[in-house]
Amino acid sequence: MAANAVNVPAGIATLTRRLARGERAEFRYRLLLTAEERTRSRLRFRTVEGVPVQLMLPRGTVLRDGDLLASEDGAVCVRVRARPEPVLTARANDRLTLLRAAYHLGNRHVPVEIGEDYLRLGPDPVLAQMLEQLGLVVVEEVAPFQPESGAYGGNAHSHERPAHGGDHPHP
């Protein structure tokens, strides 16, 4: 076997557990997922290394960048990474304008990533125009997208990505 060869488990690895933040585990594989794919609890993917995996997670699980997933027996461990995807990143000259924009996006139930000095959302020309009219500078880019999970999702996160509150479904 070559030095860079990957020892692939037979068949499709079934990932059934999300490890708790801070729980140590050695992972061999990386799984790049978009924001929408990280909301899916039953789906098949291939890791970056080419290993087929299927998710069999509790319904309502929302994965975050950096999460570790494992098979029931722990033989396969995978680190979830946010796949860069097309997004709009909006910035304002002051926090009040940024807060006002977050309020308007929230009223529209738009998935939004809230950063210290930016808002990030999926591409939408109507929303881009609204944000520009509110005084924000909007840039189209390709970047990892980590939208807030929602007040009732049980997974409130700060910018540092603290421990998960549980696997509660969204309303």
Protein backbone atom coordinates (compact mmCIF):
# COMPACT_ATOMS: atom_id res chain seq x y z
CA MET A 1 0.00 0.00 0.00
CA ALA A 2 1.32 3.45 -0.95
CA ALA A 3 2.20 5.93 1.80
CA ASN A 4 -0.74 8.21 0.85
CA ALA A 5 -3.27 5.40 0.37
CA VAL A 6 -6.47 5.59 2.39
CA ASN A 7 -7.62 2.46 4.21
CA VAL A 8 -11.28 2.50 3.14
CA PRO A 9 -13.80 0.49 5.15
CA ALA A 10 -15.78 -2.07 3.14
CA GLY A 11 -19.05 -0.74 1.71
CA ILE A 12 -20.65 2.51 2.75
CA ALA A 13 -19.76 3.86 6.18
CA THR A 14 -22.92 4.84 8.10
CA LEU A 15 -22.44 7.86 10.33
CA THR A 16 -24.93 7.76 13.20
CA ARG A 17 -23.39 9.98 15.88
CA ARG A 18 -22.29 13.59 16.16
CA LEU A 19 -19.58 13.80 18.77
CA ALA A 20 -19.92 16.43 21.49
CA ARG A 21 -17.81 19.57 21.14
CA GLY A 22 -14.56 18.99 22.96
CA GLU A 23 -14.82 15.21 22.61
CA ARG A 24 -11.52 14.01 21.19
CA ALA A 25 -11.46 11.65 18.24
CA GLU A 26 -9.03 10.96 15.45
CA PHE A 27 -10.66 11.62 12.09
CA ARG A 28 -9.33 10.35 8.79
CA TYR A 29 -11.89 11.82 6.44
CA ARG A 30 -13.33 15.22 5.62
CA LEU A 31 -16.85 15.85 4.39
CA LEU A 32 -17.44 19.14 2.54
CA LEU A 33 -21.12 20.14 2.77
CA THR A 34 -23.08 23.24 1.79
CA ALA A 35 -25.28 24.95 4.37
CA GLU A 36 -28.36 23.21 2.94
CA GLU A 37 -26.64 19.80 2.93
CA ARG A 38 -25.71 20.27 6.61
CA THR A 39 -29.45 20.29 7.42
CA ARG A 40 -29.95 16.82 5.92
CA SER A 41 -29.91 13.92 8.36
CA ARG A 42 -30.42 11.11 5.82
CA LEU A 43 -28.24 11.37 2.73
CA ARG A 44 -25.27 9.76 0.97
CA PHE A 45 -22.05 11.62 0.22
CA ARG A 46 -18.41 11.02 -0.64
CA THR A 47 -15.69 12.37 1.59
CA VAL A 48 -12.90 14.52 0.15
CA GLU A 49 -10.83 11.35 0.20
CA GLY A 50 -13.43 9.50 -1.91
CA VAL A 51 -14.94 7.31 0.81
CA PRO A 52 -18.71 6.79 0.45
CA VAL A 53 -20.65 7.64 3.62
CA GLN A 54 -24.28 7.89 4.50
CA LEU A 55 -25.78 10.01 7.24
CA MET A 56 -28.28 8.38 9.58
CA LEU A 57 -28.48 11.13 12.19
CA PRO A 58 -31.43 12.06 14.40
CA ARG A 59 -34.02 14.03 12.43
CA GLY A 60 -33.56 17.77 12.83
CA THR A 61 -29.79 17.57 13.26
CA VAL A 62 -28.08 20.65 11.86
CA LEU A 63 -24.36 20.17 11.33
CA ARG A 64 -21.82 22.93 11.82
CA ASP A 65 -18.38 23.45 10.33
CA GLY A 66 -15.94 21.46 12.46
CA ASP A 67 -18.43 18.86 13.74
CA LEU A 68 -17.13 15.32 14.07
CA LEU A 69 -19.35 12.43 12.95
CA ALA A 70 -18.72 8.79 13.73
CA SER A 71 -20.08 5.39 12.87
CA GLU A 72 -21.82 3.53 15.70
CA ASP A 73 -18.72 1.44 16.39
CA GLY A 74 -16.38 4.42 16.05
CA ALA A 75 -14.42 2.77 13.22
CA VAL A 76 -15.04 5.73 10.90
CA CYS A 77 -14.74 9.35 12.02
CA VAL A 78 -15.35 12.30 9.70
CA ARG A 79 -14.84 16.05 10.18
CA VAL A 80 -17.56 18.20 8.60
CA ARG A 81 -16.32 21.26 6.73
CA ALA A 82 -18.44 24.07 5.29
CA ARG A 83 -18.17 23.88 1.50
CA PRO A 84 -17.59 27.31 -0.05
CA GLU A 85 -20.70 28.30 -2.01
CA PRO A 86 -22.12 31.39 -3.73
CA VAL A 87 -23.23 33.94 -1.13
CA LEU A 88 -23.90 37.63 -0.64
CA THR A 89 -21.82 39.33 2.05
CA ALA A 90 -23.21 42.63 3.28
CA ARG A 91 -21.29 45.18 5.33
CA ALA A 92 -22.31 48.52 6.80
CA ASN A 93 -20.41 51.56 8.05
CA ASP A 94 -22.13 51.33 11.42
CA ARG A 95 -23.72 48.68 13.63
CA LEU A 96 -27.18 50.27 13.64
CA THR A 97 -27.42 49.85 9.86
CA LEU A 98 -26.22 46.25 10.17
CA LEU A 99 -28.80 45.58 12.90
CA ARG A 100 -31.54 47.17 10.82
CA ALA A 101 -30.61 44.92 7.88
CA ALA A 102 -30.60 41.83 10.14
CA TYR A 103 -34.08 42.80 11.35
CA HIS A 104 -35.43 43.07 7.79
CA LEU A 105 -33.85 39.77 6.74
CA GLY A 106 -35.25 38.10 9.86
CA ASN A 107 -38.74 39.33 8.99
CA ARG A 108 -38.33 37.47 5.70
CA HIS A 109 -37.13 34.29 7.46
CA VAL A 110 -33.96 34.30 5.37
CA PRO A 111 -31.11 32.06 6.57
CA VAL A 112 -28.38 34.50 7.63
CA GLU A 113 -24.88 34.13 8.96
CA ILE A 114 -24.18 36.93 11.42
CA GLY A 115 -20.57 37.97 11.76
CA GLU A 116 -19.03 40.68 13.87
CA ASP A 117 -19.12 43.17 10.98
CA TYR A 118 -21.13 41.44 8.23
CA LEU A 119 -24.28 39.55 7.29
CA ARG A 120 -24.05 36.66 4.83
CA LEU A 121 -26.93 35.08 2.95
CA GLY A 122 -27.67 33.06 -0.15
CA PRO A 123 -27.67 34.83 -3.52
CA ASP A 124 -30.87 36.81 -4.10
CA PRO A 125 -30.95 39.93 -6.28
CA VAL A 126 -34.09 41.32 -4.60
CA LEU A 127 -32.53 41.04 -1.14
CA ALA A 128 -29.23 42.46 -2.42
CA GLN A 129 -31.12 45.50 -3.70
CA MET A 130 -32.98 45.87 -0.38
CA LEU A 131 -29.71 45.74 1.56
CA GLU A 132 -28.11 48.32 -0.73
CA GLN A 133 -31.14 50.60 -0.25
CA LEU A 134 -30.62 50.26 3.50
CA GLY A 135 -27.05 51.54 3.03
CA LEU A 136 -25.02 48.32 3.05
CA VAL A 137 -22.31 47.35 0.60
CA VAL A 138 -23.16 43.94 -0.87
CA VAL A 139 -20.55 41.71 -2.49
CA GLU A 140 -21.16 38.45 -4.34
CA GLU A 141 -18.54 35.87 -3.41
CA VAL A 142 -17.90 32.19 -2.87
CA ALA A 143 -17.34 31.45 0.82
CA PRO A 144 -18.30 28.96 3.51
CA PHE A 145 -21.85 29.74 4.70
CA GLN A 146 -22.78 29.14 8.34
CA PRO A 147 -26.32 30.49 8.87
CA GLU A 148 -27.78 30.79 12.35
CA SER A 149 -29.81 27.73 13.29
CA GLY A 150 -32.69 29.76 14.71
CA ALA A 151 -33.98 30.61 18.15
CA TYR A 152 -35.93 27.35 18.47
CA GLY A 153 -33.34 25.07 16.90
CA GLY A 154 -31.61 24.33 20.20
CA ASN A 155 -28.22 25.03 18.61
CA ALA A 156 -27.55 28.71 19.32
CA HIS A 157 -24.01 29.60 18.33
CA SER A 158 -21.71 32.50 18.81
CA HIS A 159 -18.85 33.38 16.48
CA GLU A 160 -16.61 30.97 18.45
CA ARG A 161 -18.94 28.00 17.78
CA PRO A 162 -19.51 26.73 21.36
CA ALA A 163 -20.97 23.35 22.31
CA HIS A 164 -24.22 22.19 20.79
CA GLY A 165 -27.39 22.45 22.81
CA GLY A 166 -28.93 19.30 21.35
CA ASP A 167 -30.58 17.81 18.32
CA HIS A 168 -33.95 19.51 18.37
CA PRO A 169 -35.89 19.90 15.14
CA HIS A 170 -36.63 23.32 13.76
CA PRO A 171 -40.23 24.48 14.03
